[in-house]
Amino acid sequence: EYFPKERLLVFDVKSGWEPLCKFLNVPVPQTPFPKVNSTNEFINNV
């Protein structure tokens, strides 16, 4: 409710590059979308 719709992207990282790149007006990379910081990774880091 705080931001105007044109300034805001509601983003689920599972949707990958396309909505993010469209919003930011940048090309879609050929590499897979990053998937990091799993529960086990977090626990090990702590």
All heavy atoms as atom14 arrays in JSON, in Angstrom:
{
  "sequence": "EYFPKERLLVFDVKSGWEPLCKFLNVPVPQTPFPKVNSTNEFINNV",
  "atom14_mask": [
    [1, 1, 1, 1, 1, 1, 1, 1, 1, 0, 0, 0, 0, 0],
    [1, 1, 1, 1, 1, 1, 1, 1, 1, 1, 1, 1, 0, 0],
    [1, 1, 1, 1, 1, 1, 1, 1, 1, 1, 1, 0, 0, 0],
    [1, 1, 1, 1, 1, 1, 1, 0, 0, 0, 0, 0, 0, 0],
    [1, 1, 1, 1, 1, 1, 1, 1, 1, 0, 0, 0, 0, 0],
    [1, 1, 1, 1, 1, 1, 1, 1, 1, 0, 0, 0, 0, 0],
    [1, 1, 1, 1, 1, 1, 1, 1, 1, 1, 1, 0, 0, 0],
    [1, 1, 1, 1, 1, 1, 1, 1, 0, 0, 0, 0, 0, 0],
    [1, 1, 1, 1, 1, 1, 1, 1, 0, 0, 0, 0, 0, 0],
    [1, 1, 1, 1, 1, 1, 1, 0, 0, 0, 0, 0, 0, 0],
    [1, 1, 1, 1, 1, 1, 1, 1, 1, 1, 1, 0, 0, 0],
    [1, 1, 1, 1, 1, 1, 1, 1, 0, 0, 0, 0, 0, 0],
    [1, 1, 1, 1, 1, 1, 1, 0, 0, 0, 0, 0, 0, 0],
    [1, 1, 1, 1, 1, 1, 1, 1, 1, 0, 0, 0, 0, 0],
    [1, 1, 1, 1, 1, 1, 0, 0, 0, 0, 0, 0, 0, 0],
    [1, 1, 1, 1, 0, 0, 0, 0, 0, 0, 0, 0, 0, 0],
    [1, 1, 1, 1, 1, 1, 1, 1, 1, 1, 1, 1, 1, 1],
    [1, 1, 1, 1, 1, 1, 1, 1, 1, 0, 0, 0, 0, 0],
    [1, 1, 1, 1, 1, 1, 1, 0, 0, 0, 0, 0, 0, 0],
    [1, 1, 1, 1, 1, 1, 1, 1, 0, 0, 0, 0, 0, 0],
    [1, 1, 1, 1, 1, 1, 0, 0, 0, 0, 0, 0, 0, 0],
    [1, 1, 1, 1, 1, 1, 1, 1, 1, 0, 0, 0, 0, 0],
    [1, 1, 1, 1, 1, 1, 1, 1, 1, 1, 1, 0, 0, 0],
    [1, 1, 1, 1, 1, 1, 1, 1, 0, 0, 0, 0, 0, 0],
    [1, 1, 1, 1, 1, 1, 1, 1, 0, 0, 0, 0, 0, 0],
    [1, 1, 1, 1, 1, 1, 1, 0, 0, 0, 0, 0, 0, 0],
    [1, 1, 1, 1, 1, 1, 1, 0, 0, 0, 0, 0, 0, 0],
    [1, 1, 1, 1, 1, 1, 1, 0, 0, 0, 0, 0, 0, 0],
    [1, 1, 1, 1, 1, 1, 1, 0, 0, 0, 0, 0, 0, 0],
    [1, 1, 1, 1, 1, 1, 1, 1, 1, 0, 0, 0, 0, 0],
    [1, 1, 1, 1, 1, 1, 1, 0, 0, 0, 0, 0, 0, 0],
    [1, 1, 1, 1, 1, 1, 1, 0, 0, 0, 0, 0, 0, 0],
    [1, 1, 1, 1, 1, 1, 1, 1, 1, 1, 1, 0, 0, 0],
    [1, 1, 1, 1, 1, 1, 1, 0, 0, 0, 0, 0, 0, 0],
    [1, 1, 1, 1, 1, 1, 1, 1, 1, 0, 0, 0, 0, 0],
    [1, 1, 1, 1, 1, 1, 1, 0, 0, 0, 0, 0, 0, 0],
    [1, 1, 1, 1, 1, 1, 1, 1, 0, 0, 0, 0, 0, 0],
    [1, 1, 1, 1, 1, 1, 0, 0, 0, 0, 0, 0, 0, 0],
    [1, 1, 1, 1, 1, 1, 1, 0, 0, 0, 0, 0, 0, 0],
    [1, 1, 1, 1, 1, 1, 1, 1, 0, 0, 0, 0, 0, 0],
    [1, 1, 1, 1, 1, 1, 1, 1, 1, 0, 0, 0, 0, 0],
    [1, 1, 1, 1, 1, 1, 1, 1, 1, 1, 1, 0, 0, 0],
    [1, 1, 1, 1, 1, 1, 1, 1, 0, 0, 0, 0, 0, 0],
    [1, 1, 1, 1, 1, 1, 1, 1, 0, 0, 0, 0, 0, 0],
    [1, 1, 1, 1, 1, 1, 1, 1, 0, 0, 0, 0, 0, 0],
    [1, 1, 1, 1, 1, 1, 1, 0, 0, 0, 0, 0, 0, 0]
  ],
  "atom14_positions": [
    [[0.81, -1.21, 0.0], [0.0, 0.0, 0.0], [0.85, 1.27, 0.0], [0.37, 2.34, -0.39], [-0.93, 0.01, 1.22], [-2.02, -1.04, 1.17], [-2.89, -1.04, 2.42], [-2.51, -0.37, 3.41], [-3.94, -1.71, 2.41], [0.0, 0.0, 0.0], [0.0, 0.0, 0.0], [0.0, 0.0, 0.0], [0.0, 0.0, 0.0], [0.0, 0.0, 0.0]],
    [[2.11, 1.15, 0.42], [2.96, 2.33, 0.58], [3.5, 2.85, -0.75], [3.62, 4.05, -0.96], [4.11, 2.0, 1.53], [4.96, 3.2, 1.88], [4.52, 4.13, 2.81], [6.21, 3.41, 1.28], [5.29, 5.24, 3.15], [6.99, 4.51, 1.6], [6.52, 5.41, 2.55], [7.28, 6.51, 2.86], [0.0, 0.0, 0.0], [0.0, 0.0, 0.0]],
    [[3.83, 1.91, -1.66], [4.49, 2.31, -2.91], [3.51, 2.3, -4.08], [2.63, 1.45, -4.16], [5.65, 1.35, -3.22], [6.79, 1.43, -2.26], [6.97, 0.45, -1.3], [7.68, 2.49, -2.29], [8.02, 0.51, -0.39], [8.73, 2.57, -1.39], [8.9, 1.59, -0.44], [0.0, 0.0, 0.0], [0.0, 0.0, 0.0], [0.0, 0.0, 0.0]],
    [[3.69, 3.24, -5.01], [2.88, 3.19, -6.24], [3.22, 1.93, -7.03], [4.36, 1.45, -7.02], [3.3, 4.45, -6.99], [4.64, 4.82, -6.43], [4.63, 4.37, -5.0], [0.0, 0.0, 0.0], [0.0, 0.0, 0.0], [0.0, 0.0, 0.0], [0.0, 0.0, 0.0], [0.0, 0.0, 0.0], [0.0, 0.0, 0.0], [0.0, 0.0, 0.0]],
    [[2.22, 1.39, -7.72], [2.4, 0.11, -8.4], [3.52, 0.14, -9.44], [4.21, -0.86, -9.64], [1.08, -0.3, -9.06], [0.0, -0.68, -8.07], [-1.25, -1.15, -8.77], [-2.31, -1.57, -7.76], [-3.57, -2.03, -8.42], [0.0, 0.0, 0.0], [0.0, 0.0, 0.0], [0.0, 0.0, 0.0], [0.0, 0.0, 0.0], [0.0, 0.0, 0.0]],
    [[3.72, 1.28, -10.08], [4.75, 1.35, -11.12], [6.17, 1.3, -10.55], [7.13, 1.05, -11.27], [4.58, 2.62, -11.96], [4.71, 3.92, -11.2], [3.39, 4.41, -10.61], [2.44, 3.61, -10.53], [3.33, 5.59, -10.23], [0.0, 0.0, 0.0], [0.0, 0.0, 0.0], [0.0, 0.0, 0.0], [0.0, 0.0, 0.0], [0.0, 0.0, 0.0]],
    [[6.29, 1.53, -9.25], [7.62, 1.49, -8.62], [7.91, 0.14, -7.99], [9.05, -0.14, -7.62], [7.71, 2.59, -7.55], [9.12, 2.83, -7.03], [9.16, 3.89, -5.93], [10.53, 4.07, -5.46], [10.86, 4.8, -4.4], [9.94, 5.44, -3.71], [12.13, 4.91, -4.03], [0.0, 0.0, 0.0], [0.0, 0.0, 0.0], [0.0, 0.0, 0.0]],
    [[6.93, -0.72, -7.89], [7.01, -1.93, -7.08], [6.84, -3.21, -7.89], [5.95, -3.31, -8.72], [5.93, -1.86, -5.99], [5.74, -3.09, -5.1], [6.92, -3.24, -4.15], [4.44, -2.94, -4.3], [0.0, 0.0, 0.0], [0.0, 0.0, 0.0], [0.0, 0.0, 0.0], [0.0, 0.0, 0.0], [0.0, 0.0, 0.0], [0.0, 0.0, 0.0]],
    [[7.71, -4.18, -7.6], [7.54, -5.53, -8.13], [7.37, -6.49, -6.96], [8.22, -6.57, -6.08], [8.76, -5.97, -8.94], [8.77, -7.45, -9.38], [7.67, -7.72, -10.39], [10.14, -7.86, -9.93], [0.0, 0.0, 0.0], [0.0, 0.0, 0.0], [0.0, 0.0, 0.0], [0.0, 0.0, 0.0], [0.0, 0.0, 0.0], [0.0, 0.0, 0.0]],
    [[6.23, -7.19, -6.92], [6.04, -8.28, -5.96], [6.6, -9.53, -6.62], [6.13, -9.96, -7.67], [4.55, -8.45, -5.61], [4.38, -9.59, -4.62], [3.99, -7.15, -5.03], [0.0, 0.0, 0.0], [0.0, 0.0, 0.0], [0.0, 0.0, 0.0], [0.0, 0.0, 0.0], [0.0, 0.0, 0.0], [0.0, 0.0, 0.0], [0.0, 0.0, 0.0]],
    [[7.61, -10.11, -5.98], [8.44, -11.11, -6.67], [8.61, -12.38, -5.86], [9.03, -12.35, -4.69], [9.81, -10.48, -6.95], [10.77, -11.36, -7.7], [10.44, -11.9, -8.93], [12.03, -11.64, -7.18], [11.33, -12.71, -9.62], [12.94, -12.43, -7.87], [12.58, -12.98, -9.09], [0.0, 0.0, 0.0], [0.0, 0.0, 0.0], [0.0, 0.0, 0.0]],
    [[8.28, -13.49, -6.49], [8.57, -14.81, -5.94], [9.8, -15.33, -6.68], [9.78, -15.46, -7.91], [7.37, -15.75, -6.18], [7.55, -17.12, -5.54], [8.71, -17.55, -5.35], [6.54, -17.77, -5.24], [0.0, 0.0, 0.0], [0.0, 0.0, 0.0], [0.0, 0.0, 0.0], [0.0, 0.0, 0.0], [0.0, 0.0, 0.0], [0.0, 0.0, 0.0]],
    [[10.87, -15.62, -5.95], [12.12, -16.0, -6.61], [11.96, -17.28, -7.43], [12.76, -17.54, -8.34], [13.27, -16.17, -5.59], [13.63, -14.84, -4.96], [12.93, -17.21, -4.52], [0.0, 0.0, 0.0], [0.0, 0.0, 0.0], [0.0, 0.0, 0.0], [0.0, 0.0, 0.0], [0.0, 0.0, 0.0], [0.0, 0.0, 0.0], [0.0, 0.0, 0.0]],
    [[10.93, -18.08, -7.14], [10.69, -19.29, -7.92], [10.31, -18.97, -9.37], [10.42, -19.82, -10.25], [9.6, -20.14, -7.27], [10.01, -20.76, -5.95], [8.86, -21.6, -5.39], [9.25, -22.23, -4.06], [8.13, -23.03, -3.48], [0.0, 0.0, 0.0], [0.0, 0.0, 0.0], [0.0, 0.0, 0.0], [0.0, 0.0, 0.0], [0.0, 0.0, 0.0]],
    [[9.87, -17.74, -9.6], [9.46, -17.36, -10.96], [10.65, -17.04, -11.85], [10.49, -16.86, -13.07], [8.51, -16.16, -10.9], [9.13, -15.03, -10.33], [0.0, 0.0, 0.0], [0.0, 0.0, 0.0], [0.0, 0.0, 0.0], [0.0, 0.0, 0.0], [0.0, 0.0, 0.0], [0.0, 0.0, 0.0], [0.0, 0.0, 0.0], [0.0, 0.0, 0.0]],
    [[11.85, -16.96, -11.27], [13.06, -16.82, -12.07], [13.33, -15.44, -12.63], [12.84, -14.43, -12.13], [0.0, 0.0, 0.0], [0.0, 0.0, 0.0], [0.0, 0.0, 0.0], [0.0, 0.0, 0.0], [0.0, 0.0, 0.0], [0.0, 0.0, 0.0], [0.0, 0.0, 0.0], [0.0, 0.0, 0.0], [0.0, 0.0, 0.0], [0.0, 0.0, 0.0]],
    [[14.11, -15.43, -13.71], [14.64, -14.18, -14.25], [13.59, -13.27, -14.9], [13.7, -12.05, -14.81], [15.7, -14.48, -15.3], [17.0, -15.0, -14.82], [17.55, -16.24, -15.09], [17.97, -14.32, -14.01], [18.77, -16.36, -14.49], [19.06, -15.2, -13.83], [18.01, -13.05, -13.42], [20.19, -14.85, -13.08], [19.12, -12.7, -12.67], [20.2, -13.59, -12.5]],
    [[12.63, -13.85, -15.61], [11.8, -13.06, -16.53], [11.1, -11.86, -15.89], [11.26, -10.72, -16.36], [10.78, -13.97, -17.24], [11.37, -14.78, -18.38], [12.23, -15.95, -17.9], [12.17, -16.27, -16.68], [12.96, -16.54, -18.71], [0.0, 0.0, 0.0], [0.0, 0.0, 0.0], [0.0, 0.0, 0.0], [0.0, 0.0, 0.0], [0.0, 0.0, 0.0]],
    [[10.3, -12.06, -14.82], [9.62, -10.89, -14.25], [10.59, -9.87, -13.67], [10.34, -8.66, -13.75], [8.71, -11.49, -13.17], [9.29, -12.83, -12.88], [9.92, -13.31, -14.13], [0.0, 0.0, 0.0], [0.0, 0.0, 0.0], [0.0, 0.0, 0.0], [0.0, 0.0, 0.0], [0.0, 0.0, 0.0], [0.0, 0.0, 0.0], [0.0, 0.0, 0.0]],
    [[11.69, -10.35, -13.1], [12.68, -9.44, -12.52], [13.35, -8.6, -13.6], [13.47, -7.37, -13.47], [13.73, -10.26, -11.76], [14.84, -9.47, -11.06], [14.25, -8.56, -9.97], [15.88, -10.42, -10.45], [0.0, 0.0, 0.0], [0.0, 0.0, 0.0], [0.0, 0.0, 0.0], [0.0, 0.0, 0.0], [0.0, 0.0, 0.0], [0.0, 0.0, 0.0]],
    [[13.78, -9.25, -14.67], [14.46, -8.53, -15.75], [13.53, -7.57, -16.48], [13.94, -6.47, -16.87], [15.07, -9.53, -16.72], [16.42, -10.51, -16.02], [0.0, 0.0, 0.0], [0.0, 0.0, 0.0], [0.0, 0.0, 0.0], [0.0, 0.0, 0.0], [0.0, 0.0, 0.0], [0.0, 0.0, 0.0], [0.0, 0.0, 0.0], [0.0, 0.0, 0.0]],
    [[12.28, -7.98, -16.64], [11.3, -7.09, -17.28], [11.1, -5.84, -16.45], [11.06, -4.72, -16.98], [9.98, -7.83, -17.46], [8.91, -7.01, -18.15], [7.63, -7.81, -18.32], [6.55, -6.97, -19.01], [5.28, -7.74, -19.18], [0.0, 0.0, 0.0], [0.0, 0.0, 0.0], [0.0, 0.0, 0.0], [0.0, 0.0, 0.0], [0.0, 0.0, 0.0]],
    [[10.98, -6.01, -15.14], [10.77, -4.88, -14.24], [11.96, -3.93, -14.24], [11.81, -2.7, -14.21], [10.51, -5.4, -12.83], [10.31, -4.34, -11.79], [9.19, -3.51, -11.82], [11.24, -4.17, -10.76], [9.0, -2.53, -10.85], [11.06, -3.19, -9.79], [9.94, -2.37, -9.83], [0.0, 0.0, 0.0], [0.0, 0.0, 0.0], [0.0, 0.0, 0.0]],
    [[13.17, -4.5, -14.28], [14.4, -3.7, -14.23], [14.87, -3.26, -15.62], [15.85, -2.52, -15.73], [15.5, -4.49, -13.53], [15.24, -4.83, -12.05], [16.34, -5.72, -11.52], [15.12, -3.56, -11.21], [0.0, 0.0, 0.0], [0.0, 0.0, 0.0], [0.0, 0.0, 0.0], [0.0, 0.0, 0.0], [0.0, 0.0, 0.0], [0.0, 0.0, 0.0]],
    [[14.17, -3.76, -16.64], [14.5, -3.4, -18.02], [15.93, -3.77, -18.39], [16.71, -2.96, -18.91], [14.27, -1.9, -18.27], [14.24, -1.55, -19.74], [13.88, -2.37, -20.58], [14.64, -0.33, -20.07], [0.0, 0.0, 0.0], [0.0, 0.0, 0.0], [0.0, 0.0, 0.0], [0.0, 0.0, 0.0], [0.0, 0.0, 0.0], [0.0, 0.0, 0.0]],
    [[16.27, -5.02, -18.1], [17.6, -5.54, -18.43], [17.44, -6.89, -19.14], [16.41, -7.56, -18.99], [18.47, -5.72, -17.16], [18.77, -4.37, -16.52], [17.8, -6.66, -16.16], [0.0, 0.0, 0.0], [0.0, 0.0, 0.0], [0.0, 0.0, 0.0], [0.0, 0.0, 0.0], [0.0, 0.0, 0.0], [0.0, 0.0, 0.0], [0.0, 0.0, 0.0]],
    [[18.45, -7.32, -19.91], [18.37, -8.61, -20.61], [18.32, -9.79, -19.64], [18.88, -9.73, -18.54], [19.65, -8.64, -21.44], [20.11, -7.23, -21.52], [19.68, -6.57, -20.26], [0.0, 0.0, 0.0], [0.0, 0.0, 0.0], [0.0, 0.0, 0.0], [0.0, 0.0, 0.0], [0.0, 0.0, 0.0], [0.0, 0.0, 0.0], [0.0, 0.0, 0.0]],
    [[17.68, -10.86, -20.06], [17.61, -12.08, -19.25], [18.9, -12.87, -19.43], [19.29, -13.2, -20.56], [16.41, -12.96, -19.69], [16.4, -14.27, -18.93], [15.1, -12.2, -19.5], [0.0, 0.0, 0.0], [0.0, 0.0, 0.0], [0.0, 0.0, 0.0], [0.0, 0.0, 0.0], [0.0, 0.0, 0.0], [0.0, 0.0, 0.0], [0.0, 0.0, 0.0]],
    [[19.61, -13.2, -18.35], [20.85, -13.97, -18.46], [20.6, -15.4, -18.94], [19.49, -15.93, -18.83], [21.38, -13.99, -17.02], [20.67, -12.88, -16.32], [19.33, -12.78, -16.97], [0.0, 0.0, 0.0], [0.0, 0.0, 0.0], [0.0, 0.0, 0.0], [0.0, 0.0, 0.0], [0.0, 0.0, 0.0], [0.0, 0.0, 0.0], [0.0, 0.0, 0.0]],
    [[21.63, -16.01, -19.46], [21.55, -17.41, -19.9], [21.79, -18.37, -18.74], [21.51, -19.56, -18.85], [22.57, -17.66, -21.0], [22.33, -16.84, -22.25], [20.96, -17.11, -22.87], [20.59, -18.25, -23.07], [20.23, -16.04, -23.16], [0.0, 0.0, 0.0], [0.0, 0.0, 0.0], [0.0, 0.0, 0.0], [0.0, 0.0, 0.0], [0.0, 0.0, 0.0]],
    [[22.32, -17.85, -17.64], [22.62, -18.69, -16.48], [21.36, -18.95, -15.64], [20.42, -18.16, -15.68], [23.67, -18.01, -15.59], [23.21, -16.7, -15.26], [25.0, -17.9, -16.31], [0.0, 0.0, 0.0], [0.0, 0.0, 0.0], [0.0, 0.0, 0.0], [0.0, 0.0, 0.0], [0.0, 0.0, 0.0], [0.0, 0.0, 0.0], [0.0, 0.0, 0.0]],
    [[21.34, -20.05, -14.87], [20.2, -20.32, -14.01], [20.05, -19.24, -12.93], [21.03, -18.64, -12.49], [20.55, -21.68, -13.37], [21.57, -22.28, -14.27], [22.35, -21.13, -14.84], [0.0, 0.0, 0.0], [0.0, 0.0, 0.0], [0.0, 0.0, 0.0], [0.0, 0.0, 0.0], [0.0, 0.0, 0.0], [0.0, 0.0, 0.0], [0.0, 0.0, 0.0]],
    [[18.82, -19.01, -12.51], [18.56, -18.05, -11.43], [19.19, -18.59, -10.15], [19.09, -19.78, -9.85], [17.06, -17.86, -11.24], [16.71, -16.7, -10.35], [16.58, -15.43, -10.85], [16.52, -16.9, -8.98], [16.27, -14.35, -10.03], [16.21, -15.84, -8.15], [16.07, -14.56, -8.67], [0.0, 0.0, 0.0], [0.0, 0.0, 0.0], [0.0, 0.0, 0.0]],
    [[19.87, -17.75, -9.37], [20.55, -18.22, -8.15], [19.59, -18.87, -7.16], [18.48, -18.36, -6.94], [21.15, -16.94, -7.56], [21.21, -15.98, -8.7], [20.06, -16.3, -9.59], [0.0, 0.0, 0.0], [0.0, 0.0, 0.0], [0.0, 0.0, 0.0], [0.0, 0.0, 0.0], [0.0, 0.0, 0.0], [0.0, 0.0, 0.0], [0.0, 0.0, 0.0]],
    [[20.02, -19.96, -6.57], [19.26, -20.62, -5.52], [20.23, -20.97, -4.41], [20.99, -21.94, -4.5], [18.58, -21.89, -6.05], [17.67, -22.56, -5.04], [16.98, -23.78, -5.63], [16.08, -24.44, -4.58], [15.4, -25.65, -5.13], [0.0, 0.0, 0.0], [0.0, 0.0, 0.0], [0.0, 0.0, 0.0], [0.0, 0.0, 0.0], [0.0, 0.0, 0.0]],
    [[20.23, -20.15, -3.36], [21.25, -20.28, -2.31], [20.62, -20.09, -0.93], [19.44, -19.79, -0.8], [22.37, -19.24, -2.5], [23.17, -19.5, -3.75], [21.78, -17.82, -2.54], [0.0, 0.0, 0.0], [0.0, 0.0, 0.0], [0.0, 0.0, 0.0], [0.0, 0.0, 0.0], [0.0, 0.0, 0.0], [0.0, 0.0, 0.0], [0.0, 0.0, 0.0]],
    [[21.47, -20.27, 0.08], [21.12, -20.04, 1.49], [19.98, -20.96, 1.94], [18.99, -20.52, 2.53], [20.73, -18.58, 1.74], [20.92, -18.18, 3.19], [21.66, -18.81, 3.93], [20.25, -17.11, 3.6], [0.0, 0.0, 0.0], [0.0, 0.0, 0.0], [0.0, 0.0, 0.0], [0.0, 0.0, 0.0], [0.0, 0.0, 0.0], [0.0, 0.0, 0.0]],
    [[20.17, -22.25, 1.69], [19.22, -23.24, 2.17], [19.26, -23.28, 3.7], [20.12, -22.68, 4.34], [19.57, -24.62, 1.62], [20.8, -25.06, 2.18], [0.0, 0.0, 0.0], [0.0, 0.0, 0.0], [0.0, 0.0, 0.0], [0.0, 0.0, 0.0], [0.0, 0.0, 0.0], [0.0, 0.0, 0.0], [0.0, 0.0, 0.0], [0.0, 0.0, 0.0]],
    [[18.32, -24.0, 4.29], [18.28, -24.13, 5.75], [19.6, -24.67, 6.29], [20.16, -24.15, 7.26], [17.12, -25.06, 6.17], [15.89, -24.45, 5.79], [17.12, -25.28, 7.67], [0.0, 0.0, 0.0], [0.0, 0.0, 0.0], [0.0, 0.0, 0.0], [0.0, 0.0, 0.0], [0.0, 0.0, 0.0], [0.0, 0.0, 0.0], [0.0, 0.0, 0.0]],
    [[20.13, -25.71, 5.66], [21.38, -26.3, 6.13], [22.55, -25.32, 5.99], [23.42, -25.24, 6.87], [21.69, -27.58, 5.37], [20.77, -28.73, 5.78], [20.21, -28.73, 6.88], [20.61, -29.7, 4.91], [0.0, 0.0, 0.0], [0.0, 0.0, 0.0], [0.0, 0.0, 0.0], [0.0, 0.0, 0.0], [0.0, 0.0, 0.0], [0.0, 0.0, 0.0]],
    [[22.57, -24.57, 4.89], [23.62, -23.57, 4.7], [23.55, -22.51, 5.78], [24.58, -22.09, 6.33], [23.49, -22.93, 3.32], [23.89, -23.82, 2.16], [23.57, -23.2, 0.81], [22.56, -22.48, 0.7], [24.34, -23.43, -0.14], [0.0, 0.0, 0.0], [0.0, 0.0, 0.0], [0.0, 0.0, 0.0], [0.0, 0.0, 0.0], [0.0, 0.0, 0.0]],
    [[22.35, -22.06, 6.09], [22.16, -21.05, 7.13], [22.67, -21.56, 8.48], [23.43, -20.87, 9.18], [20.68, -20.67, 7.24], [20.4, -19.57, 8.22], [20.21, -18.27, 7.78], [20.34, -19.82, 9.58], [19.95, -17.24, 8.68], [20.09, -18.81, 10.5], [19.89, -17.51, 10.04], [0.0, 0.0, 0.0], [0.0, 0.0, 0.0], [0.0, 0.0, 0.0]],
    [[22.25, -22.76, 8.85], [22.65, -23.33, 10.14], [24.17, -23.48, 10.22], [24.79, -23.13, 11.24], [21.97, -24.7, 10.37], [20.45, -24.47, 10.56], [22.57, -25.42, 11.56], [19.64, -25.75, 10.59], [0.0, 0.0, 0.0], [0.0, 0.0, 0.0], [0.0, 0.0, 0.0], [0.0, 0.0, 0.0], [0.0, 0.0, 0.0], [0.0, 0.0, 0.0]],
    [[24.78, -23.96, 9.17], [26.24, -24.12, 9.16], [26.95, -22.78, 9.27], [27.98, -22.67, 9.95], [26.68, -24.85, 7.89], [26.28, -26.31, 7.87], [26.11, -26.92, 8.94], [26.12, -26.89, 6.71], [0.0, 0.0, 0.0], [0.0, 0.0, 0.0], [0.0, 0.0, 0.0], [0.0, 0.0, 0.0], [0.0, 0.0, 0.0], [0.0, 0.0, 0.0]],
    [[26.4, -21.74, 8.63], [27.0, -20.42, 8.72], [26.92, -19.87, 10.14], [27.87, -19.25, 10.64], [26.3, -19.45, 7.76], [26.67, -19.7, 6.31], [27.73, -20.26, 6.03], [25.81, -19.3, 5.4], [0.0, 0.0, 0.0], [0.0, 0.0, 0.0], [0.0, 0.0, 0.0], [0.0, 0.0, 0.0], [0.0, 0.0, 0.0], [0.0, 0.0, 0.0]],
    [[25.8, -20.09, 10.81], [25.65, -19.63, 12.2], [26.62, -20.36, 13.11], [27.29, -19.77, 13.96], [24.21, -19.83, 12.69], [24.11, -19.56, 14.2], [23.25, -18.91, 11.93], [0.0, 0.0, 0.0], [0.0, 0.0, 0.0], [0.0, 0.0, 0.0], [0.0, 0.0, 0.0], [0.0, 0.0, 0.0], [0.0, 0.0, 0.0], [0.0, 0.0, 0.0]]
  ]
}
